[in-house]
């Protein structure tokens, strides 16, 4: 998972370091998909949707995930560019959650190109073939679209579709939630204010 070093608030750096350490710890503890996270978005009317996506990078600039820019989530992010993330690692300690909230913007094209090139060929073909979130009459149509893309890019590299790329959630809140007995959980909140980041404890 990618990282870069930028000058940031030391409390923000502490929060991000904690998240990265927990991601590594969750993987070592046997979580099947430690990078899996719930992404919650809202449309212009305020209706909220949530789904599981995979975190692909985290650094001082934020949390990055990739999707089709014509998908339902992309339409919602265009209308309401704020989102929330939630990680849940059941095999880590006594259960650990990480909650993140903030503004969302598209990641750069070069960044998306570099990540897309690392995906398996079948996944790159699928990105071209899938009209994500649109109605599919039957599976045969999808299979036909896959076959067409495979023929189009036979024996050549599959480029990134112009309608596919990344988003970066820039956090203004990160909460670490550590399960404890009797539901007396430990909650540590990092939050950005007008004067910078601050750290506080919350009641369970």
Protein backbone atom coordinates (compact mmCIF):
# COMPACT_ATOMS: atom_id res chain seq x y z
CA UNK A 1 0.00 0.00 0.00
CA UNK A 2 1.53 3.28 -1.12
CA UNK A 3 2.87 5.97 1.19
CA UNK A 4 4.60 9.32 0.70
CA UNK A 5 6.13 11.74 3.14
CA UNK A 6 4.76 15.30 3.33
CA UNK A 7 4.95 17.95 6.03
CA UNK A 8 1.85 17.62 8.20
CA UNK A 9 0.58 18.30 11.67
CA UNK A 10 2.34 15.94 14.15
CA UNK A 11 -0.99 14.84 15.65
CA UNK A 12 -2.28 14.00 12.17
CA UNK A 13 0.93 12.05 11.49
CA UNK A 14 0.40 10.13 14.73
CA UNK A 15 -3.14 9.20 13.68
CA UNK A 16 -2.06 8.03 10.22
CA UNK A 17 0.84 6.06 11.67
CA UNK A 18 -1.60 4.31 14.01
CA UNK A 19 -3.85 3.43 11.07
CA UNK A 20 -0.95 2.03 9.04
CA UNK A 21 0.28 0.01 12.01
CA UNK A 22 -3.20 -1.42 12.57
CA UNK A 23 -3.50 -2.34 8.88
CA UNK A 24 -0.21 -4.23 9.11
CA UNK A 25 -1.25 -5.84 12.40
CA UNK A 26 -4.62 -6.91 10.94
CA UNK A 27 -2.87 -8.58 8.02
CA UNK A 28 -0.48 -10.38 10.34
CA UNK A 29 -3.42 -11.48 12.52
CA UNK A 30 -4.99 -13.29 9.58
CA UNK A 31 -7.70 -10.88 8.45
CA UNK A 32 -8.62 -12.08 4.93
CA UNK A 33 -9.00 -8.52 3.58
CA UNK A 34 -7.41 -6.06 6.01
CA UNK A 35 -7.77 -3.23 3.45
CA UNK A 36 -11.55 -3.76 3.14
CA UNK A 37 -13.51 -0.74 4.37
CA UNK A 38 -17.09 0.46 4.34
CA UNK A 39 -17.47 3.60 2.21
CA UNK A 40 -20.54 5.68 3.00
CA UNK A 41 -21.65 8.40 0.57
CA UNK A 42 -24.77 10.56 0.15
CA UNK A 43 -26.60 11.90 -2.87
CA UNK A 44 -27.82 15.47 -3.37
CA UNK A 45 -31.05 14.67 -1.50
CA UNK A 46 -29.15 13.31 1.50
CA UNK A 47 -29.93 9.63 0.90
CA UNK A 48 -27.00 7.59 2.22
CA UNK A 49 -25.47 4.51 0.59
CA UNK A 50 -22.73 2.22 1.91
CA UNK A 51 -20.63 -0.50 0.32
CA UNK A 52 -17.32 -2.29 0.87
CA UNK A 53 -14.32 -1.10 -1.16
CA UNK A 54 -10.59 -1.70 -0.84
CA UNK A 55 -8.10 0.86 0.42
CA UNK A 56 -5.24 1.08 -2.07
CA UNK A 57 -3.04 3.77 -0.50
CA UNK A 58 -2.83 5.85 2.64
CA UNK A 59 -0.42 8.71 3.30
CA UNK A 60 -0.40 12.26 4.60
CA UNK A 61 -2.63 13.30 1.68
CA UNK A 62 -5.41 10.84 2.58
CA UNK A 63 -7.02 7.48 1.86
CA UNK A 64 -7.24 6.30 -1.77
CA UNK A 65 -9.68 3.92 -3.44
CA UNK A 66 -10.53 3.27 -7.09
CA UNK A 67 -13.79 2.89 -9.00
CA UNK A 68 -15.70 3.61 -12.20
CA UNK A 69 -16.33 7.36 -12.49
CA UNK A 70 -19.80 6.60 -13.93
CA UNK A 71 -20.87 4.41 -10.98
CA UNK A 72 -23.53 5.27 -8.42
CA UNK A 73 -20.90 6.11 -5.80
CA UNK A 74 -19.17 8.46 -8.25
CA UNK A 75 -22.45 10.26 -8.96
CA UNK A 76 -23.00 10.66 -5.24
CA UNK A 77 -19.49 11.96 -4.66
CA UNK A 78 -19.96 14.49 -7.47
CA UNK A 79 -23.15 15.73 -5.81
CA UNK A 80 -21.87 15.56 -2.23
CA UNK A 81 -18.04 15.33 -2.05
CA UNK A 82 -17.92 14.19 1.58
CA UNK A 83 -17.67 10.59 2.73
CA UNK A 84 -16.97 8.30 5.67
CA UNK A 85 -14.88 5.14 5.92
CA UNK A 86 -15.01 2.36 8.50
CA UNK A 87 -12.58 -0.54 8.93
CA UNK A 88 -13.51 -3.51 11.14
CA UNK A 89 -10.94 -6.13 12.14
CA UNK A 90 -12.57 -8.88 14.18
CA UNK A 91 -9.44 -10.98 14.64
CA UNK A 92 -7.38 -8.05 15.91
CA UNK A 93 -7.03 -7.80 19.71
CA UNK A 94 -10.61 -7.64 21.14
CA UNK A 95 -11.94 -6.25 17.82
CA UNK A 96 -10.74 -2.95 16.39
CA UNK A 97 -12.54 -0.33 14.31
CA UNK A 98 -11.15 2.73 12.54
CA UNK A 99 -13.55 5.46 11.45
CA UNK A 100 -12.52 8.22 9.03
CA UNK A 101 -14.47 11.22 7.74
CA UNK A 102 -13.58 13.98 5.30
CA UNK A 103 -13.80 15.60 1.89
CA UNK A 104 -13.26 13.54 -1.26
CA UNK A 105 -11.64 14.53 -4.58
CA UNK A 106 -10.42 12.61 -7.61
CA UNK A 107 -6.85 11.32 -7.49
CA UNK A 108 -4.45 12.36 -10.25
CA UNK A 109 -4.46 10.63 -13.64
CA UNK A 110 -0.81 9.63 -13.32
CA UNK A 111 -1.46 8.04 -9.95
CA UNK A 112 -4.44 6.13 -11.38
CA UNK A 113 -2.42 5.00 -14.42
CA UNK A 114 0.35 3.67 -12.19
CA UNK A 115 -2.08 1.69 -10.02
CA UNK A 116 -4.12 0.40 -12.98
CA UNK A 117 -0.96 -1.03 -14.55
CA UNK A 118 -0.44 -3.23 -11.46
CA UNK A 119 -3.88 -4.88 -11.71
CA UNK A 120 -4.25 -8.37 -13.19
CA UNK A 121 -5.06 -8.29 -16.90
CA UNK A 122 -8.50 -9.80 -16.27
CA UNK A 123 -9.33 -6.95 -13.88
CA UNK A 124 -8.19 -4.34 -16.39
CA UNK A 125 -10.40 -5.92 -19.05
CA UNK A 126 -13.29 -6.01 -16.58
CA UNK A 127 -12.93 -2.29 -15.91
CA UNK A 128 -13.58 -1.62 -19.61
CA UNK A 129 -16.39 -4.16 -19.93
CA UNK A 130 -18.47 -3.25 -16.86
CA UNK A 131 -20.99 -0.41 -16.96
CA UNK A 132 -20.81 -0.32 -13.18
CA UNK A 133 -24.14 0.17 -11.36
CA UNK A 134 -26.18 0.18 -14.59
CA UNK A 135 -28.89 -2.42 -15.25
CA UNK A 136 -27.56 -5.65 -16.82
CA UNK A 137 -30.18 -7.51 -18.93
CA UNK A 138 -28.40 -10.86 -18.53
CA UNK A 139 -24.97 -12.33 -17.89
CA UNK A 140 -24.53 -13.10 -21.59
CA UNK A 141 -24.30 -9.39 -22.36
CA UNK A 142 -21.47 -8.93 -19.87
CA UNK A 143 -19.67 -11.98 -21.25
CA UNK A 144 -20.01 -10.52 -24.77
CA UNK A 145 -18.58 -7.18 -23.65
CA UNK A 146 -15.64 -8.96 -21.98
CA UNK A 147 -14.97 -10.92 -25.18
CA UNK A 148 -15.06 -7.70 -27.23
CA UNK A 149 -12.54 -5.98 -24.94
CA UNK A 150 -10.28 -9.05 -24.95
CA UNK A 151 -10.29 -9.01 -28.77
CA UNK A 152 -9.64 -5.27 -28.90
CA UNK A 153 -6.56 -5.53 -26.70
CA UNK A 154 -5.29 -8.94 -27.81
CA UNK A 155 -1.50 -9.12 -27.39
CA UNK A 156 -1.21 -5.50 -26.19
CA UNK A 157 -1.32 -3.78 -22.83
CA UNK A 158 -4.77 -2.80 -21.57
CA UNK A 159 -4.83 0.96 -20.89
CA UNK A 160 -6.80 2.60 -18.11
CA UNK A 161 -10.30 3.59 -19.23
CA UNK A 162 -10.91 7.36 -19.11
CA UNK A 163 -14.00 6.68 -16.98
CA UNK A 164 -12.09 4.77 -14.31
CA UNK A 165 -9.80 6.18 -11.62
CA UNK A 166 -9.15 7.01 -8.03
CA UNK A 167 -10.60 9.10 -5.25
CA UNK A 168 -8.79 10.44 -2.22
CA UNK A 169 -10.59 11.06 1.06
CA UNK A 170 -8.77 13.85 2.90
CA UNK A 171 -9.50 13.18 6.58
CA UNK A 172 -10.65 15.76 9.05
CA UNK A 173 -11.55 13.07 11.63
CA UNK A 174 -9.96 9.73 12.46
CA UNK A 175 -11.26 7.63 15.34
CA UNK A 176 -9.59 4.50 16.69
CA UNK A 177 -11.96 2.12 18.51
CA UNK A 178 -10.52 -0.71 20.61
CA UNK A 179 -12.93 -3.30 21.98
CA UNK A 180 -12.85 -3.93 25.72
CA UNK A 181 -14.82 -6.05 28.20
CA UNK A 182 -18.33 -5.03 29.30
CA UNK A 183 -18.55 -2.79 26.23
CA UNK A 184 -16.30 -0.25 27.96
CA UNK A 185 -14.36 0.33 24.76
CA UNK A 186 -11.37 2.62 24.30
CA UNK A 187 -12.06 5.40 21.79
CA UNK A 188 -9.38 7.82 20.60
CA UNK A 189 -10.44 10.64 18.30
CA UNK A 190 -8.15 12.76 16.14
CA UNK A 191 -9.91 15.78 14.68
CA UNK A 192 -8.84 18.75 12.57
CA UNK A 193 -9.99 22.18 13.73
CA UNK A 194 -9.26 25.76 12.78
CA UNK A 195 -6.03 25.68 14.80
CA UNK A 196 -4.85 22.27 13.63
CA UNK A 197 -5.34 18.68 14.74
CA UNK A 198 -6.24 17.67 18.29
CA UNK A 199 -6.44 14.35 20.08
CA UNK A 200 -9.06 13.40 22.65
CA UNK A 201 -10.60 10.41 24.38
CA UNK A 202 -14.31 9.61 24.11
CA UNK A 203 -16.64 7.79 26.45
CA UNK A 204 -17.52 4.29 25.15
